[in-house]
Amino acid sequence: MKVLPLFVLSSLLLVGCGSGGSSSSASSDSDNPGTPSHLPESGGDDSGTSPGDDNNAGSGGDDNTGGGDEGNTDPSPGDTFAEQMLYAVNQARSQSQVCGSTTMPAVPALEWDYDLESAAIRHSSDMANNGFMSHTGSDGSSPEDRINATGYSWSTWAENVAAGQKGIDAVMAAWMKSEGHCKNIMNGNVTEMGAAFVENPDTQYGIYWTQVFAKPR
């Protein structure tokens, strides 16, 4: 597994060992709708492509939490992937969290949005089909591009990606240990989220995760 934090004005940094993760965020206002701001230890990139026929995708209607028996969140509120991921994120948001050197206060629960899920599926599919992990898609798309392509009108967005973790608990634990990803999850400015995983056993990491957070305009 590996970690790929992405910083605003720098190139990709590879931080070693084993699990994958990267975070990106941006916000906009009426004067400058495309300007990235407060990137929590991370910067902006994206991805894009359609799922391959031989890959297993996780989304709102799929009760597969990413393969394997380890690291799966107890599906207390329901047993679909969307319900389990949303539950895990909202459990984290329900109490204060230490994100790196910053203590983040508890923030309101998020709601699931299927446009944001669509953006997440697109990116995880791209990473799985092409065997890479980045916020920038194989077609050069950014998280903003992928969100816009769904028709979602946003005022703020953030994205987390990861690779190699075998379940929701495992990937959430990895993200919560990383300052930038943790801050995206604890971002009080976002109100909705979508997420997905796609598996491809022929790639280095085998499973690719994306979380997309946003607040509608």
N, C-alpha and C. Protein backbone atom coordinates (compact mmCIF):
# COMPACT_ATOMS: atom_id res chain seq x y z
N MET A 1 0.85 -1.18 0.00
CA MET A 1 0.00 0.00 0.00
C MET A 1 0.89 1.23 0.00
N LYS A 2 0.38 2.33 -0.52
CA LYS A 2 1.20 3.54 -0.58
C LYS A 2 0.37 4.77 -0.32
N VAL A 3 1.06 5.84 0.04
CA VAL A 3 0.41 7.11 0.29
C VAL A 3 0.95 8.11 -0.71
N LEU A 4 0.05 8.83 -1.35
CA LEU A 4 0.46 9.83 -2.34
C LEU A 4 -0.15 11.17 -1.99
N PRO A 5 0.38 11.87 -0.97
CA PRO A 5 -0.16 13.20 -0.69
C PRO A 5 0.16 14.12 -1.85
N LEU A 6 -0.77 14.99 -2.17
CA LEU A 6 -0.61 15.88 -3.31
C LEU A 6 -0.65 17.30 -2.78
N PHE A 7 0.39 18.08 -3.01
CA PHE A 7 0.46 19.42 -2.48
C PHE A 7 0.21 20.44 -3.58
N VAL A 8 -0.29 21.61 -3.17
CA VAL A 8 -0.80 22.59 -4.10
C VAL A 8 0.19 22.98 -5.18
N LEU A 9 1.37 23.40 -4.78
CA LEU A 9 2.31 23.94 -5.75
C LEU A 9 3.51 23.03 -5.94
N SER A 10 3.35 21.77 -5.62
CA SER A 10 4.46 20.85 -5.76
C SER A 10 4.03 19.62 -6.53
N SER A 11 4.99 18.82 -6.89
CA SER A 11 4.69 17.58 -7.59
C SER A 11 4.24 16.52 -6.59
N LEU A 12 3.83 15.36 -7.12
CA LEU A 12 3.44 14.25 -6.26
C LEU A 12 4.59 13.85 -5.35
N LEU A 13 4.24 13.59 -4.10
CA LEU A 13 5.22 13.08 -3.16
C LEU A 13 4.84 11.66 -2.81
N LEU A 14 5.79 10.78 -2.86
CA LEU A 14 5.55 9.38 -2.52
C LEU A 14 6.00 9.13 -1.10
N VAL A 15 5.05 8.74 -0.26
CA VAL A 15 5.39 8.43 1.13
C VAL A 15 5.14 6.95 1.33
N GLY A 16 6.15 6.21 1.68
CA GLY A 16 6.19 4.80 1.62
C GLY A 16 5.23 4.02 2.43
N CYS A 17 4.76 3.25 2.78
CA CYS A 17 4.76 1.89 2.88
C CYS A 17 3.42 1.28 2.86
N GLY A 18 3.02 0.91 1.83
CA GLY A 18 1.96 -0.02 1.71
C GLY A 18 0.64 0.50 1.29
N SER A 19 -0.02 1.37 1.99
CA SER A 19 -1.38 1.71 1.63
C SER A 19 -1.40 2.99 0.84
N GLY A 20 -2.49 3.22 0.11
CA GLY A 20 -2.52 4.38 -0.76
C GLY A 20 -3.50 5.40 -0.28
N GLY A 21 -3.17 6.67 -0.47
CA GLY A 21 -4.13 7.70 -0.16
C GLY A 21 -3.68 9.02 -0.70
N SER A 22 -4.62 9.85 -1.07
CA SER A 22 -4.30 11.19 -1.53
C SER A 22 -5.52 12.06 -1.35
N SER A 23 -5.31 13.34 -1.02
CA SER A 23 -6.44 14.21 -0.75
C SER A 23 -6.36 15.48 -1.56
N SER A 24 -7.52 16.04 -1.87
CA SER A 24 -7.58 17.26 -2.67
C SER A 24 -8.85 17.99 -2.31
N SER A 25 -8.80 19.33 -2.31
CA SER A 25 -10.01 20.08 -2.02
C SER A 25 -9.97 21.44 -2.66
N ALA A 26 -11.14 22.06 -2.78
CA ALA A 26 -11.25 23.39 -3.36
C ALA A 26 -12.57 23.99 -2.96
N SER A 27 -12.66 25.31 -3.06
CA SER A 27 -13.94 25.98 -2.87
C SER A 27 -14.05 27.09 -3.88
N SER A 28 -15.24 27.62 -4.02
CA SER A 28 -15.43 28.69 -4.98
C SER A 28 -16.44 29.68 -4.44
N ASP A 29 -16.44 30.85 -5.05
CA ASP A 29 -17.48 31.82 -4.76
C ASP A 29 -17.95 32.40 -6.08
N SER A 30 -18.89 33.33 -6.03
CA SER A 30 -19.47 33.85 -7.26
C SER A 30 -18.47 34.64 -8.08
N ASP A 31 -17.42 35.16 -7.43
CA ASP A 31 -16.44 35.95 -8.17
C ASP A 31 -15.39 35.08 -8.84
N ASN A 32 -15.07 33.97 -8.23
CA ASN A 32 -13.99 33.13 -8.76
C ASN A 32 -14.34 31.67 -8.55
N PRO A 33 -15.25 31.12 -9.35
CA PRO A 33 -15.80 29.82 -9.06
C PRO A 33 -14.84 28.66 -9.19
N GLY A 34 -13.69 28.84 -9.77
CA GLY A 34 -12.81 27.69 -9.95
C GLY A 34 -11.53 27.75 -9.16
N THR A 35 -11.42 28.63 -8.18
CA THR A 35 -10.16 28.81 -7.48
C THR A 35 -10.03 27.86 -6.31
N PRO A 36 -9.01 27.01 -6.29
CA PRO A 36 -8.81 26.15 -5.13
C PRO A 36 -8.45 26.97 -3.90
N SER A 37 -8.95 26.56 -2.73
CA SER A 37 -8.57 27.22 -1.48
C SER A 37 -8.48 26.20 -0.37
N HIS A 38 -7.93 26.64 0.74
CA HIS A 38 -7.51 25.79 1.85
C HIS A 38 -7.45 24.31 1.51
N LEU A 39 -6.36 23.95 0.88
CA LEU A 39 -6.10 22.55 0.57
C LEU A 39 -5.41 21.94 1.78
N PRO A 40 -6.13 21.09 2.55
CA PRO A 40 -5.59 20.59 3.80
C PRO A 40 -4.43 19.63 3.59
N GLU A 41 -3.24 20.14 3.60
CA GLU A 41 -2.04 19.34 3.38
C GLU A 41 -2.06 18.68 2.01
N SER A 42 -2.88 19.16 1.12
CA SER A 42 -3.00 18.45 -0.14
C SER A 42 -3.42 19.42 -1.23
N GLY A 43 -3.39 18.94 -2.48
CA GLY A 43 -3.72 19.80 -3.59
C GLY A 43 -4.74 19.18 -4.49
N GLY A 44 -4.94 19.70 -5.67
CA GLY A 44 -6.01 19.25 -6.54
C GLY A 44 -5.53 18.57 -7.79
N ASP A 45 -6.19 17.48 -8.11
CA ASP A 45 -6.03 16.73 -9.35
C ASP A 45 -7.32 15.98 -9.62
N ASP A 46 -7.27 14.96 -10.51
CA ASP A 46 -8.49 14.28 -10.87
C ASP A 46 -8.32 13.00 -11.62
N SER A 47 -9.37 12.49 -12.21
CA SER A 47 -9.29 11.30 -13.04
C SER A 47 -10.52 11.13 -13.87
N GLY A 48 -10.56 10.12 -14.73
CA GLY A 48 -11.77 9.86 -15.47
C GLY A 48 -11.60 8.75 -16.46
N THR A 49 -12.65 7.95 -16.63
CA THR A 49 -12.77 6.85 -17.57
C THR A 49 -13.96 6.02 -17.14
N SER A 50 -14.41 5.15 -18.01
CA SER A 50 -15.56 4.32 -17.66
C SER A 50 -15.10 2.99 -17.09
N PRO A 51 -15.97 2.33 -16.29
CA PRO A 51 -15.56 1.07 -15.69
C PRO A 51 -15.32 -0.01 -16.74
N GLY A 52 -14.38 -0.89 -16.45
CA GLY A 52 -14.16 -2.03 -17.32
C GLY A 52 -15.13 -3.15 -16.99
N ASP A 53 -15.45 -3.99 -17.95
CA ASP A 53 -16.42 -5.05 -17.74
C ASP A 53 -15.94 -6.09 -16.73
N ASP A 54 -14.63 -6.24 -16.58
CA ASP A 54 -14.12 -7.29 -15.71
C ASP A 54 -13.78 -6.80 -14.32
N ASN A 55 -14.14 -5.56 -13.99
CA ASN A 55 -13.84 -5.02 -12.67
C ASN A 55 -15.09 -5.01 -11.82
N ASN A 56 -14.90 -5.15 -10.50
CA ASN A 56 -16.01 -5.09 -9.56
C ASN A 56 -16.06 -3.70 -8.96
N ALA A 57 -17.20 -3.03 -9.08
CA ALA A 57 -17.33 -1.66 -8.61
C ALA A 57 -18.20 -1.61 -7.37
N GLY A 58 -17.84 -0.73 -6.42
CA GLY A 58 -18.65 -0.51 -5.25
C GLY A 58 -19.35 0.82 -5.37
N SER A 59 -20.65 0.85 -5.12
CA SER A 59 -21.41 2.09 -5.22
C SER A 59 -22.61 1.98 -4.31
N GLY A 60 -23.54 2.92 -4.44
CA GLY A 60 -24.67 2.98 -3.54
C GLY A 60 -25.54 1.75 -3.59
N GLY A 61 -25.63 1.08 -4.71
CA GLY A 61 -26.49 -0.07 -4.81
C GLY A 61 -25.77 -1.39 -4.64
N ASP A 62 -24.54 -1.39 -4.19
CA ASP A 62 -23.72 -2.60 -4.10
C ASP A 62 -23.41 -2.88 -2.65
N ASP A 63 -23.69 -4.11 -2.19
CA ASP A 63 -23.41 -4.42 -0.79
C ASP A 63 -22.03 -5.03 -0.60
N ASN A 64 -21.22 -5.01 -1.64
CA ASN A 64 -19.83 -5.46 -1.55
C ASN A 64 -18.99 -4.30 -1.05
N THR A 65 -18.30 -4.48 0.08
CA THR A 65 -17.54 -3.38 0.66
C THR A 65 -16.09 -3.37 0.23
N GLY A 66 -15.73 -4.03 -0.83
CA GLY A 66 -14.39 -3.87 -1.36
C GLY A 66 -13.56 -5.12 -1.36
N GLY A 67 -14.16 -6.26 -1.09
CA GLY A 67 -13.41 -7.50 -1.19
C GLY A 67 -12.72 -7.86 0.11
N GLY A 68 -12.60 -9.13 0.39
CA GLY A 68 -11.91 -9.59 1.59
C GLY A 68 -12.82 -9.56 2.79
N ASP A 69 -12.42 -10.28 3.85
CA ASP A 69 -13.23 -10.36 5.05
C ASP A 69 -12.80 -9.38 6.11
N GLU A 70 -11.65 -8.73 5.93
CA GLU A 70 -11.12 -7.86 6.96
C GLU A 70 -11.46 -6.41 6.68
N GLY A 71 -11.63 -5.64 7.76
CA GLY A 71 -11.73 -4.20 7.62
C GLY A 71 -13.07 -3.71 7.15
N ASN A 72 -14.14 -4.49 7.28
CA ASN A 72 -15.44 -4.04 6.84
C ASN A 72 -16.21 -3.42 7.98
N THR A 73 -16.84 -2.28 7.73
CA THR A 73 -17.60 -1.58 8.75
C THR A 73 -18.89 -2.33 9.06
N ASP A 74 -19.21 -2.46 10.33
CA ASP A 74 -20.48 -3.04 10.73
C ASP A 74 -21.60 -2.22 10.12
N PRO A 75 -22.45 -2.83 9.30
CA PRO A 75 -23.47 -2.07 8.59
C PRO A 75 -24.67 -1.76 9.46
N SER A 76 -24.47 -1.02 10.55
CA SER A 76 -25.54 -0.76 11.50
C SER A 76 -26.77 -0.12 10.86
N PRO A 77 -26.63 0.93 10.03
CA PRO A 77 -27.82 1.56 9.47
C PRO A 77 -28.33 0.88 8.21
N GLY A 78 -27.62 -0.08 7.66
CA GLY A 78 -28.02 -0.72 6.41
C GLY A 78 -26.87 -1.55 5.90
N ASP A 79 -27.12 -2.29 4.81
CA ASP A 79 -26.06 -3.19 4.36
C ASP A 79 -25.58 -2.89 2.95
N THR A 80 -25.93 -1.75 2.37
CA THR A 80 -25.35 -1.38 1.09
C THR A 80 -24.02 -0.67 1.31
N PHE A 81 -23.21 -0.63 0.26
CA PHE A 81 -21.93 0.07 0.36
C PHE A 81 -22.15 1.53 0.75
N ALA A 82 -23.11 2.20 0.13
CA ALA A 82 -23.35 3.62 0.42
C ALA A 82 -23.70 3.82 1.89
N GLU A 83 -24.56 2.96 2.42
CA GLU A 83 -24.96 3.10 3.82
C GLU A 83 -23.78 2.86 4.76
N GLN A 84 -22.97 1.88 4.44
CA GLN A 84 -21.83 1.58 5.30
C GLN A 84 -20.77 2.69 5.26
N MET A 85 -20.46 3.18 4.06
CA MET A 85 -19.47 4.25 3.95
C MET A 85 -19.97 5.53 4.60
N LEU A 86 -21.23 5.88 4.36
CA LEU A 86 -21.80 7.09 4.96
C LEU A 86 -21.80 6.97 6.48
N TYR A 87 -22.14 5.79 6.98
CA TYR A 87 -22.13 5.57 8.42
C TYR A 87 -20.72 5.76 8.99
N ALA A 88 -19.73 5.20 8.32
CA ALA A 88 -18.35 5.32 8.80
C ALA A 88 -17.89 6.77 8.83
N VAL A 89 -18.20 7.51 7.77
CA VAL A 89 -17.81 8.92 7.71
C VAL A 89 -18.53 9.73 8.78
N ASN A 90 -19.83 9.50 8.93
CA ASN A 90 -20.59 10.28 9.90
C ASN A 90 -20.23 9.91 11.34
N GLN A 91 -19.83 8.66 11.57
CA GLN A 91 -19.31 8.30 12.89
C GLN A 91 -18.06 9.09 13.21
N ALA A 92 -17.17 9.24 12.23
CA ALA A 92 -15.95 10.03 12.43
C ALA A 92 -16.29 11.49 12.69
N ARG A 93 -17.23 12.02 11.93
CA ARG A 93 -17.60 13.43 12.04
C ARG A 93 -18.36 13.75 13.32
N SER A 94 -18.90 12.73 13.98
CA SER A 94 -19.74 12.96 15.16
C SER A 94 -18.94 13.32 16.41
N GLN A 95 -17.62 13.20 16.33
CA GLN A 95 -16.78 13.56 17.47
C GLN A 95 -15.52 14.25 16.97
N SER A 96 -14.89 15.00 17.86
CA SER A 96 -13.67 15.70 17.46
C SER A 96 -12.59 14.68 17.08
N GLN A 97 -11.74 15.08 16.14
CA GLN A 97 -10.68 14.21 15.65
C GLN A 97 -9.38 14.99 15.59
N VAL A 98 -8.28 14.33 15.84
CA VAL A 98 -6.96 14.94 15.69
C VAL A 98 -6.44 14.59 14.31
N CYS A 99 -6.35 15.60 13.46
CA CYS A 99 -5.87 15.42 12.08
C CYS A 99 -4.46 15.99 12.00
N GLY A 100 -3.47 15.13 12.10
CA GLY A 100 -2.10 15.61 12.13
C GLY A 100 -1.86 16.42 13.39
N SER A 101 -1.54 17.69 13.21
CA SER A 101 -1.29 18.58 14.35
C SER A 101 -2.50 19.43 14.69
N THR A 102 -3.63 19.17 14.03
CA THR A 102 -4.82 20.00 14.20
C THR A 102 -5.96 19.19 14.80
N THR A 103 -6.58 19.73 15.84
CA THR A 103 -7.79 19.12 16.39
C THR A 103 -9.00 19.69 15.67
N MET A 104 -9.75 18.83 15.04
CA MET A 104 -10.93 19.24 14.28
C MET A 104 -12.17 18.97 15.12
N PRO A 105 -13.07 19.94 15.25
CA PRO A 105 -14.28 19.72 16.05
C PRO A 105 -15.26 18.79 15.36
N ALA A 106 -16.17 18.25 16.14
CA ALA A 106 -17.27 17.47 15.56
C ALA A 106 -18.07 18.36 14.62
N VAL A 107 -18.57 17.78 13.56
CA VAL A 107 -19.31 18.53 12.54
C VAL A 107 -20.56 17.74 12.16
N PRO A 108 -21.54 18.41 11.53
CA PRO A 108 -22.80 17.72 11.19
C PRO A 108 -22.61 16.55 10.23
N ALA A 109 -23.54 15.64 10.30
CA ALA A 109 -23.53 14.47 9.42
C ALA A 109 -23.74 14.88 7.97
N LEU A 110 -23.20 14.08 7.07
CA LEU A 110 -23.37 14.30 5.63
C LEU A 110 -24.54 13.49 5.10
N GLU A 111 -25.03 13.86 3.94
CA GLU A 111 -26.01 13.08 3.20
C GLU A 111 -25.35 12.51 1.95
N TRP A 112 -25.86 11.39 1.47
CA TRP A 112 -25.33 10.75 0.25
C TRP A 112 -25.90 11.44 -0.98
N ASP A 113 -25.04 11.69 -1.95
CA ASP A 113 -25.48 12.29 -3.22
C ASP A 113 -25.02 11.39 -4.37
N TYR A 114 -25.95 11.06 -5.26
CA TYR A 114 -25.63 10.10 -6.32
C TYR A 114 -24.84 10.72 -7.46
N ASP A 115 -24.89 12.03 -7.63
CA ASP A 115 -23.99 12.67 -8.59
C ASP A 115 -22.55 12.57 -8.12
N LEU A 116 -22.33 12.82 -6.83
CA LEU A 116 -20.97 12.69 -6.29
C LEU A 116 -20.51 11.24 -6.31
N GLU A 117 -21.43 10.32 -6.08
CA GLU A 117 -21.09 8.90 -6.22
C GLU A 117 -20.66 8.59 -7.65
N SER A 118 -21.37 9.16 -8.62
CA SER A 118 -21.02 8.94 -10.03
C SER A 118 -19.62 9.43 -10.33
N ALA A 119 -19.27 10.60 -9.79
CA ALA A 119 -17.91 11.13 -9.99
C ALA A 119 -16.88 10.19 -9.36
N ALA A 120 -17.21 9.63 -8.19
CA ALA A 120 -16.30 8.71 -7.51
C ALA A 120 -16.14 7.41 -8.30
N ILE A 121 -17.24 6.88 -8.82
CA ILE A 121 -17.17 5.65 -9.62
C ILE A 121 -16.29 5.87 -10.84
N ARG A 122 -16.48 7.01 -11.50
CA ARG A 122 -15.67 7.31 -12.69
C ARG A 122 -14.18 7.28 -12.36
N HIS A 123 -13.82 7.90 -11.24
CA HIS A 123 -12.40 8.00 -10.93
C HIS A 123 -11.82 6.66 -10.47
N SER A 124 -12.54 5.96 -9.59
CA SER A 124 -12.05 4.66 -9.16
C SER A 124 -11.94 3.68 -10.33
N SER A 125 -12.89 3.75 -11.25
CA SER A 125 -12.84 2.90 -12.44
C SER A 125 -11.61 3.22 -13.27
N ASP A 126 -11.33 4.49 -13.43
CA ASP A 126 -10.17 4.93 -14.21
C ASP A 126 -8.88 4.42 -13.57
N MET A 127 -8.76 4.61 -12.26
CA MET A 127 -7.55 4.17 -11.58
C MET A 127 -7.38 2.65 -11.67
N ALA A 128 -8.49 1.91 -11.50
CA ALA A 128 -8.42 0.45 -11.55
C ALA A 128 -8.11 -0.04 -12.96
N ASN A 129 -8.74 0.56 -13.95
CA ASN A 129 -8.53 0.12 -15.34
C ASN A 129 -7.13 0.43 -15.83
N ASN A 130 -6.54 1.51 -15.32
CA ASN A 130 -5.25 1.96 -15.83
C ASN A 130 -4.11 1.79 -14.83
N GLY A 131 -4.39 1.25 -13.65
CA GLY A 131 -3.35 0.89 -12.71
C GLY A 131 -2.54 2.05 -12.17
N PHE A 132 -3.20 3.11 -11.70
CA PHE A 132 -2.49 4.24 -11.11
C PHE A 132 -3.31 4.79 -9.96
N MET A 133 -2.69 5.65 -9.15
CA MET A 133 -3.42 6.37 -8.11
C MET A 133 -3.01 7.82 -8.11
N SER A 134 -3.97 8.70 -8.36
CA SER A 134 -3.73 10.13 -8.43
C SER A 134 -5.07 10.82 -8.42
N HIS A 135 -5.07 12.12 -8.12
CA HIS A 135 -6.29 12.90 -8.30
C HIS A 135 -6.51 13.26 -9.76
N THR A 136 -5.47 13.21 -10.56
CA THR A 136 -5.58 13.52 -11.98
C THR A 136 -5.89 12.24 -12.75
N GLY A 137 -6.94 12.28 -13.53
CA GLY A 137 -7.35 11.10 -14.27
C GLY A 137 -6.46 10.83 -15.47
N SER A 138 -6.63 9.67 -16.04
CA SER A 138 -5.84 9.29 -17.21
C SER A 138 -6.14 10.18 -18.40
N ASP A 139 -7.29 10.84 -18.39
CA ASP A 139 -7.65 11.78 -19.45
C ASP A 139 -7.29 13.21 -19.10
N GLY A 140 -6.59 13.42 -17.98
CA GLY A 140 -6.20 14.76 -17.56
C GLY A 140 -7.25 15.47 -16.75
N SER A 141 -8.34 14.81 -16.42
CA SER A 141 -9.43 15.46 -15.69
C SER A 141 -9.04 15.69 -14.23
N SER A 142 -9.67 16.70 -13.64
CA SER A 142 -9.49 17.02 -12.22
C SER A 142 -10.74 16.58 -11.45
N PRO A 143 -10.69 16.55 -10.12
CA PRO A 143 -11.91 16.28 -9.37
C PRO A 143 -13.03 17.25 -9.74
N GLU A 144 -12.67 18.51 -9.92
CA GLU A 144 -13.67 19.51 -10.31
C GLU A 144 -14.30 19.15 -11.65
N ASP A 145 -13.48 18.72 -12.60
CA ASP A 145 -14.01 18.32 -13.91
C ASP A 145 -15.01 17.18 -13.77
N ARG A 146 -14.67 16.20 -12.96
CA ARG A 146 -15.53 15.02 -12.82
C ARG A 146 -16.84 15.36 -12.12
N ILE A 147 -16.76 16.24 -11.12
CA ILE A 147 -17.98 16.67 -10.45
C ILE A 147 -18.85 17.47 -11.41
N ASN A 148 -18.24 18.41 -12.12
CA ASN A 148 -18.99 19.22 -13.08
C ASN A 148 -19.67 18.36 -14.14
N ALA A 149 -19.01 17.28 -14.55
CA ALA A 149 -19.56 16.42 -15.61
C ALA A 149 -20.86 15.75 -15.19
N THR A 150 -21.09 15.63 -13.89
CA THR A 150 -22.34 15.02 -13.42
C THR A 150 -23.49 16.02 -13.39
N GLY A 151 -23.19 17.31 -13.55
CA GLY A 151 -24.21 18.34 -13.45
C GLY A 151 -24.38 18.91 -12.06
N TYR A 152 -23.56 18.45 -11.12
CA TYR A 152 -23.62 18.94 -9.74
C TYR A 152 -23.06 20.35 -9.69
N SER A 153 -23.83 21.29 -9.14
CA SER A 153 -23.39 22.67 -8.99
C SER A 153 -22.86 22.86 -7.58
N TRP A 154 -21.55 23.06 -7.45
CA TRP A 154 -20.90 23.04 -6.14
C TRP A 154 -20.41 24.42 -5.73
N SER A 155 -20.29 24.61 -4.42
CA SER A 155 -19.62 25.79 -3.88
C SER A 155 -18.30 25.39 -3.22
N THR A 156 -18.19 24.14 -2.80
CA THR A 156 -16.98 23.59 -2.19
C THR A 156 -16.90 22.12 -2.53
N TRP A 157 -15.69 21.61 -2.77
CA TRP A 157 -15.53 20.17 -2.97
C TRP A 157 -14.22 19.70 -2.35
N ALA A 158 -14.14 18.43 -2.10
CA ALA A 158 -12.90 17.78 -1.65
C ALA A 158 -12.92 16.34 -2.13
N GLU A 159 -11.73 15.77 -2.31
CA GLU A 159 -11.64 14.38 -2.77
C GLU A 159 -10.53 13.65 -2.02
N ASN A 160 -10.81 12.42 -1.61
CA ASN A 160 -9.80 11.50 -1.09
C ASN A 160 -9.70 10.30 -2.01
N VAL A 161 -8.49 9.83 -2.28
CA VAL A 161 -8.31 8.59 -3.01
C VAL A 161 -7.36 7.69 -2.24
N ALA A 162 -7.45 6.41 -2.49
CA ALA A 162 -6.59 5.43 -1.83
C ALA A 162 -6.55 4.17 -2.67
N ALA A 163 -5.59 3.29 -2.36
CA ALA A 163 -5.47 2.03 -3.08
C ALA A 163 -4.89 0.96 -2.18
N GLY A 164 -5.42 -0.24 -2.28
CA GLY A 164 -4.86 -1.39 -1.59
C GLY A 164 -5.61 -1.85 -0.36
N GLN A 165 -6.38 -0.97 0.28
CA GLN A 165 -7.10 -1.36 1.49
C GLN A 165 -8.28 -2.27 1.13
N LYS A 166 -8.53 -3.29 1.97
CA LYS A 166 -9.48 -4.34 1.63
C LYS A 166 -10.90 -4.11 2.13
N GLY A 167 -11.16 -3.03 2.81
CA GLY A 167 -12.51 -2.78 3.29
C GLY A 167 -12.67 -1.36 3.78
N ILE A 168 -13.89 -1.00 4.13
CA ILE A 168 -14.20 0.37 4.54
C ILE A 168 -13.44 0.75 5.81
N ASP A 169 -13.42 -0.13 6.81
CA ASP A 169 -12.70 0.19 8.04
C ASP A 169 -11.22 0.45 7.76
N ALA A 170 -10.64 -0.37 6.90
CA ALA A 170 -9.21 -0.24 6.61
C ALA A 170 -8.90 1.06 5.89
N VAL A 171 -9.71 1.39 4.90
CA VAL A 171 -9.42 2.62 4.15
C VAL A 171 -9.73 3.85 5.00
N MET A 172 -10.78 3.80 5.81
CA MET A 172 -11.07 4.94 6.69
C MET A 172 -9.96 5.13 7.71
N ALA A 173 -9.44 4.04 8.26
CA ALA A 173 -8.34 4.15 9.22
C ALA A 173 -7.12 4.80 8.58
N ALA A 174 -6.82 4.41 7.34
CA ALA A 174 -5.67 5.00 6.65
C ALA A 174 -5.90 6.48 6.40
N TRP A 175 -7.09 6.85 5.95
CA TRP A 175 -7.38 8.26 5.70
C TRP A 175 -7.34 9.08 6.99
N MET A 176 -7.89 8.54 8.08
CA MET A 176 -7.94 9.30 9.33
C MET A 176 -6.56 9.48 9.94
N LYS A 177 -5.58 8.65 9.56
CA LYS A 177 -4.21 8.82 10.05
C LYS A 177 -3.43 9.83 9.23
N SER A 178 -3.99 10.28 8.13
CA SER A 178 -3.32 11.24 7.24
C SER A 178 -3.97 12.60 7.40
N GLU A 179 -3.18 13.62 7.68
CA GLU A 179 -3.74 14.93 8.01
C GLU A 179 -4.67 15.47 6.94
N GLY A 180 -4.23 15.44 5.68
CA GLY A 180 -5.04 16.01 4.62
C GLY A 180 -6.34 15.28 4.41
N HIS A 181 -6.29 13.94 4.41
CA HIS A 181 -7.50 13.15 4.22
C HIS A 181 -8.45 13.32 5.39
N CYS A 182 -7.89 13.30 6.60
CA CYS A 182 -8.68 13.48 7.81
C CYS A 182 -9.41 14.82 7.79
N LYS A 183 -8.71 15.87 7.37
CA LYS A 183 -9.34 17.19 7.32
C LYS A 183 -10.44 17.24 6.27
N ASN A 184 -10.28 16.53 5.17
CA ASN A 184 -11.37 16.47 4.19
C ASN A 184 -12.60 15.80 4.79
N ILE A 185 -12.39 14.69 5.50
CA ILE A 185 -13.51 13.98 6.12
C ILE A 185 -14.18 14.85 7.18
N MET A 186 -13.40 15.65 7.90
CA MET A 186 -13.92 16.48 8.99
C MET A 186 -14.26 17.90 8.53
N ASN A 187 -14.29 18.13 7.25
CA ASN A 187 -14.56 19.46 6.70
C ASN A 187 -16.01 19.88 7.00
N GLY A 188 -16.18 20.91 7.80
CA GLY A 188 -17.51 21.38 8.15
C GLY A 188 -18.19 22.17 7.06
N ASN A 189 -17.47 22.47 5.98
CA ASN A 189 -18.06 23.23 4.88
C ASN A 189 -18.76 22.36 3.86
N VAL A 190 -18.56 21.04 3.91
CA VAL A 190 -19.24 20.15 2.97
C VAL A 190 -20.48 19.55 3.63
N THR A 191 -21.47 19.23 2.82
CA THR A 191 -22.75 18.72 3.34
C THR A 191 -23.16 17.39 2.71
N GLU A 192 -22.50 17.00 1.62
CA GLU A 192 -22.89 15.79 0.89
C GLU A 192 -21.64 15.02 0.48
N MET A 193 -21.82 13.75 0.19
CA MET A 193 -20.69 12.94 -0.26
C MET A 193 -21.17 11.82 -1.17
N GLY A 194 -20.22 11.26 -1.90
CA GLY A 194 -20.40 10.01 -2.62
C GLY A 194 -19.07 9.29 -2.58
N ALA A 195 -19.08 8.01 -2.80
CA ALA A 195 -17.84 7.24 -2.75
C ALA A 195 -17.99 5.98 -3.59
N ALA A 196 -16.85 5.36 -3.91
CA ALA A 196 -16.86 4.12 -4.68
C ALA A 196 -15.53 3.42 -4.53
N PHE A 197 -15.53 2.12 -4.78
CA PHE A 197 -14.30 1.37 -4.97
C PHE A 197 -14.46 0.54 -6.23
N VAL A 198 -13.35 0.27 -6.87
CA VAL A 198 -13.33 -0.64 -8.02
C VAL A 198 -12.14 -1.58 -7.86
N GLU A 199 -12.37 -2.86 -8.09
CA GLU A 199 -11.32 -3.87 -7.96
C GLU A 199 -10.83 -4.31 -9.33
N ASN A 200 -9.52 -4.50 -9.43
CA ASN A 200 -8.90 -5.08 -10.62
C ASN A 200 -7.69 -5.89 -10.15
N PRO A 201 -7.81 -7.21 -10.06
CA PRO A 201 -6.72 -8.02 -9.51
C PRO A 201 -5.46 -8.01 -10.36
N ASP A 202 -5.55 -7.51 -11.57
CA ASP A 202 -4.38 -7.49 -12.45
C ASP A 202 -3.50 -6.26 -12.24
N THR A 203 -3.86 -5.40 -11.27
CA THR A 203 -3.08 -4.20 -11.00
C THR A 203 -2.26 -4.38 -9.72
N GLN A 204 -1.36 -3.43 -9.47
CA GLN A 204 -0.45 -3.54 -8.32
C GLN A 204 -1.21 -3.57 -7.00
N TYR A 205 -2.23 -2.72 -6.86
CA TYR A 205 -2.91 -2.58 -5.58
C TYR A 205 -4.23 -3.32 -5.51
N GLY A 206 -4.82 -3.64 -6.64
CA GLY A 206 -5.99 -4.51 -6.66
C GLY A 206 -7.32 -3.84 -6.42
N ILE A 207 -7.35 -2.78 -5.61
CA ILE A 207 -8.59 -2.10 -5.27
C ILE A 207 -8.32 -0.61 -5.12
N TYR A 208 -9.21 0.21 -5.66
CA TYR A 208 -9.00 1.66 -5.74
C TYR A 208 -10.24 2.38 -5.21
N TRP A 209 -10.02 3.29 -4.27
CA TRP A 209 -11.08 3.97 -3.53
C TRP A 209 -11.12 5.46 -3.87
N THR A 210 -12.31 6.01 -3.91
CA THR A 210 -12.49 7.46 -4.06
C THR A 210 -13.63 7.93 -3.16
N GLN A 211 -13.40 8.99 -2.42
CA GLN A 211 -14.46 9.73 -1.72
C GLN A 211 -14.54 11.12 -2.35
N VAL A 212 -15.75 11.59 -2.60
CA VAL A 212 -15.97 12.94 -3.11
C VAL A 212 -16.93 13.65 -2.16
N PHE A 213 -16.52 14.79 -1.65
CA PHE A 213 -17.32 15.60 -0.74
C PHE A 213 -17.65 16.92 -1.41
N ALA A 214 -18.81 17.50 -1.11
CA ALA A 214 -19.15 18.79 -1.70
C ALA A 214 -20.29 19.44 -0.93
N LYS A 215 -20.47 20.70 -1.22
CA LYS A 215 -21.64 21.46 -0.79
C LYS A 215 -22.24 22.08 -2.03
N PRO A 216 -23.55 21.92 -2.26
CA PRO A 216 -24.14 22.51 -3.46
C PRO A 216 -24.16 24.03 -3.38
N ARG A 217 -24.11 24.63 -4.56
CA ARG A 217 -24.17 26.08 -4.62
C ARG A 217 -25.56 26.57 -4.24
